[in-house]
């Protein structure tokens, strides 16, 4: 076994790890978590705009 065999094995293992991560990320079980994360961005914007509208104005302005 020389260095090229080790490099080939490392490449194949890295590729399989990559495919596993892709399969995990796109699995149907993660859909609810991704939907919740997507909605949280809009909820943060709504809360921020509500805080700006209801904030008291500084005296003298």
N, C-alpha and C. Protein backbone atom coordinates (compact mmCIF):
# COMPACT_ATOMS: atom_id res chain seq x y z
N UNK A 1 0.86 -1.17 0.00
CA UNK A 1 0.00 0.00 0.00
C UNK A 1 0.90 1.24 0.00
N UNK A 2 0.75 2.06 -1.02
CA UNK A 2 1.56 3.27 -1.09
C UNK A 2 0.66 4.49 -0.82
N UNK A 3 1.22 5.66 -0.94
CA UNK A 3 0.52 6.91 -0.61
C UNK A 3 -0.68 7.14 -1.53
N UNK A 4 -0.60 6.70 -2.77
CA UNK A 4 -1.71 6.90 -3.70
C UNK A 4 -2.95 6.09 -3.30
N UNK A 5 -2.72 4.89 -2.75
CA UNK A 5 -3.85 4.10 -2.25
C UNK A 5 -4.51 4.81 -1.07
N UNK A 6 -3.71 5.35 -0.19
CA UNK A 6 -4.24 6.08 0.96
C UNK A 6 -5.02 7.32 0.50
N UNK A 7 -4.52 8.02 -0.49
CA UNK A 7 -5.23 9.18 -1.03
C UNK A 7 -6.55 8.78 -1.66
N UNK A 8 -6.57 7.66 -2.37
CA UNK A 8 -7.81 7.19 -2.99
C UNK A 8 -8.85 6.81 -1.94
N UNK A 9 -8.41 6.12 -0.90
CA UNK A 9 -9.32 5.74 0.18
C UNK A 9 -9.87 6.98 0.87
N UNK A 10 -9.03 7.96 1.13
CA UNK A 10 -9.46 9.20 1.76
C UNK A 10 -10.46 9.95 0.89
N UNK A 11 -10.23 9.97 -0.41
CA UNK A 11 -11.16 10.63 -1.33
C UNK A 11 -12.52 9.95 -1.33
N UNK A 12 -12.52 8.63 -1.38
CA UNK A 12 -13.79 7.89 -1.39
C UNK A 12 -14.53 8.09 -0.07
N UNK A 13 -13.85 8.02 1.05
CA UNK A 13 -14.49 8.23 2.35
C UNK A 13 -15.03 9.65 2.48
N UNK A 14 -14.31 10.62 1.98
CA UNK A 14 -14.78 12.01 2.02
C UNK A 14 -16.02 12.20 1.16
N UNK A 15 -16.04 11.57 0.00
CA UNK A 15 -17.20 11.66 -0.89
C UNK A 15 -18.42 11.00 -0.25
N UNK A 16 -18.24 9.86 0.37
CA UNK A 16 -19.34 9.18 1.05
C UNK A 16 -19.87 10.01 2.22
N UNK A 17 -18.97 10.65 2.94
CA UNK A 17 -19.38 11.55 4.02
C UNK A 17 -20.19 12.71 3.48
N UNK A 18 -19.74 13.29 2.38
CA UNK A 18 -20.47 14.38 1.73
C UNK A 18 -21.87 13.92 1.32
N UNK A 19 -21.99 12.76 0.71
CA UNK A 19 -23.29 12.25 0.30
C UNK A 19 -24.20 12.02 1.51
N UNK A 20 -23.63 11.56 2.61
CA UNK A 20 -24.41 11.36 3.82
C UNK A 20 -24.94 12.68 4.38
N UNK A 21 -24.13 13.71 4.35
CA UNK A 21 -24.56 15.03 4.83
C UNK A 21 -25.66 15.58 3.93
N UNK A 22 -25.51 15.43 2.62
CA UNK A 22 -26.53 15.91 1.68
C UNK A 22 -27.85 15.16 1.90
N UNK A 23 -27.78 13.85 2.08
CA UNK A 23 -28.99 13.05 2.31
C UNK A 23 -29.66 13.47 3.62
N UNK A 24 -28.89 13.74 4.66
CA UNK A 24 -29.45 14.17 5.93
C UNK A 24 -30.10 15.54 5.80
N UNK A 25 -29.45 16.46 5.09
CA UNK A 25 -29.97 17.82 4.97
C UNK A 25 -31.26 17.87 4.16
N UNK A 26 -31.41 17.03 3.17
CA UNK A 26 -32.59 17.05 2.32
C UNK A 26 -33.62 16.00 2.69
N UNK A 27 -33.45 15.34 3.84
CA UNK A 27 -34.42 14.32 4.23
C UNK A 27 -35.74 14.97 4.63
N UNK A 28 -36.81 14.26 4.47
CA UNK A 28 -38.14 14.77 4.78
C UNK A 28 -38.33 15.05 6.26
N UNK A 29 -37.60 14.37 7.11
CA UNK A 29 -37.73 14.58 8.55
C UNK A 29 -37.27 15.96 8.98
N UNK A 30 -36.44 16.61 8.19
CA UNK A 30 -35.91 17.94 8.54
C UNK A 30 -36.82 19.07 8.05
N UNK A 31 -37.85 18.76 7.28
CA UNK A 31 -38.70 19.77 6.67
C UNK A 31 -39.34 20.68 7.71
N UNK A 32 -39.85 20.13 8.79
CA UNK A 32 -40.51 20.98 9.79
C UNK A 32 -39.52 21.94 10.44
N UNK A 33 -38.30 21.48 10.69
CA UNK A 33 -37.30 22.37 11.28
C UNK A 33 -36.93 23.49 10.32
N UNK A 34 -36.81 23.17 9.04
CA UNK A 34 -36.48 24.19 8.04
C UNK A 34 -37.62 25.18 7.86
N UNK A 35 -38.86 24.70 7.88
CA UNK A 35 -40.01 25.59 7.76
C UNK A 35 -40.09 26.54 8.96
N UNK A 36 -39.83 26.02 10.14
CA UNK A 36 -39.84 26.87 11.33
C UNK A 36 -38.74 27.92 11.28
N UNK A 37 -37.57 27.53 10.82
CA UNK A 37 -36.47 28.49 10.70
C UNK A 37 -36.78 29.56 9.67
N UNK A 38 -37.43 29.18 8.58
CA UNK A 38 -37.79 30.15 7.54
C UNK A 38 -38.82 31.14 8.07
N UNK A 39 -39.79 30.67 8.83
CA UNK A 39 -40.82 31.56 9.39
C UNK A 39 -40.24 32.48 10.44
N UNK A 40 -39.24 32.04 11.17
CA UNK A 40 -38.68 32.86 12.25
C UNK A 40 -38.06 34.14 11.73
N UNK A 41 -37.57 34.13 10.49
CA UNK A 41 -37.01 35.35 9.93
C UNK A 41 -38.08 36.42 9.79
N UNK A 42 -39.27 36.05 9.34
CA UNK A 42 -40.35 37.01 9.18
C UNK A 42 -40.93 37.43 10.52
N UNK A 43 -40.97 36.52 11.47
CA UNK A 43 -41.48 36.86 12.80
C UNK A 43 -40.58 37.88 13.48
N UNK A 44 -39.26 37.75 13.30
CA UNK A 44 -38.33 38.73 13.88
C UNK A 44 -38.55 40.10 13.27
N UNK A 45 -38.79 40.18 11.96
CA UNK A 45 -39.04 41.46 11.30
C UNK A 45 -40.33 42.09 11.80
N UNK A 46 -41.37 41.29 11.99
CA UNK A 46 -42.63 41.82 12.48
C UNK A 46 -42.48 42.36 13.90
N UNK A 47 -41.76 41.66 14.75
CA UNK A 47 -41.55 42.12 16.12
C UNK A 47 -40.74 43.41 16.14
N UNK A 48 -39.74 43.49 15.30
CA UNK A 48 -38.90 44.70 15.26
C UNK A 48 -39.71 45.89 14.78
N UNK A 49 -40.54 45.71 13.77
CA UNK A 49 -41.33 46.84 13.27
C UNK A 49 -42.38 47.26 14.30
N UNK A 50 -42.91 46.32 15.07
CA UNK A 50 -43.87 46.66 16.11
C UNK A 50 -43.19 47.44 17.22
N UNK A 51 -41.96 47.08 17.56
CA UNK A 51 -41.23 47.79 18.61
C UNK A 51 -40.88 49.21 18.18
N UNK A 52 -40.57 49.41 16.92
CA UNK A 52 -40.23 50.74 16.43
C UNK A 52 -41.46 51.64 16.46
N UNK A 53 -42.60 51.11 16.06
CA UNK A 53 -43.83 51.91 16.03
C UNK A 53 -44.31 52.27 17.43
N UNK A 54 -44.11 51.38 18.39
CA UNK A 54 -44.63 51.63 19.73
C UNK A 54 -43.62 52.28 20.66
N UNK A 55 -42.40 52.51 20.19
CA UNK A 55 -41.38 53.13 21.04
C UNK A 55 -41.71 54.60 21.27
N UNK A 56 -41.55 55.07 22.50
CA UNK A 56 -41.84 56.50 22.77
C UNK A 56 -40.80 57.39 22.08
N UNK A 57 -41.25 58.52 21.62
CA UNK A 57 -40.35 59.46 20.95
C UNK A 57 -39.54 60.21 22.00
N UNK A 58 -38.32 60.52 21.66
CA UNK A 58 -37.44 61.23 22.58
C UNK A 58 -37.94 62.66 22.74
N UNK A 59 -37.76 63.20 23.93
CA UNK A 59 -38.22 64.56 24.23
C UNK A 59 -37.44 65.56 23.40
N UNK A 60 -38.15 66.55 22.85
CA UNK A 60 -37.48 67.61 22.09
C UNK A 60 -37.31 67.30 20.62
N UNK A 61 -37.79 66.18 20.16
CA UNK A 61 -37.63 65.84 18.74
C UNK A 61 -38.94 65.82 18.05
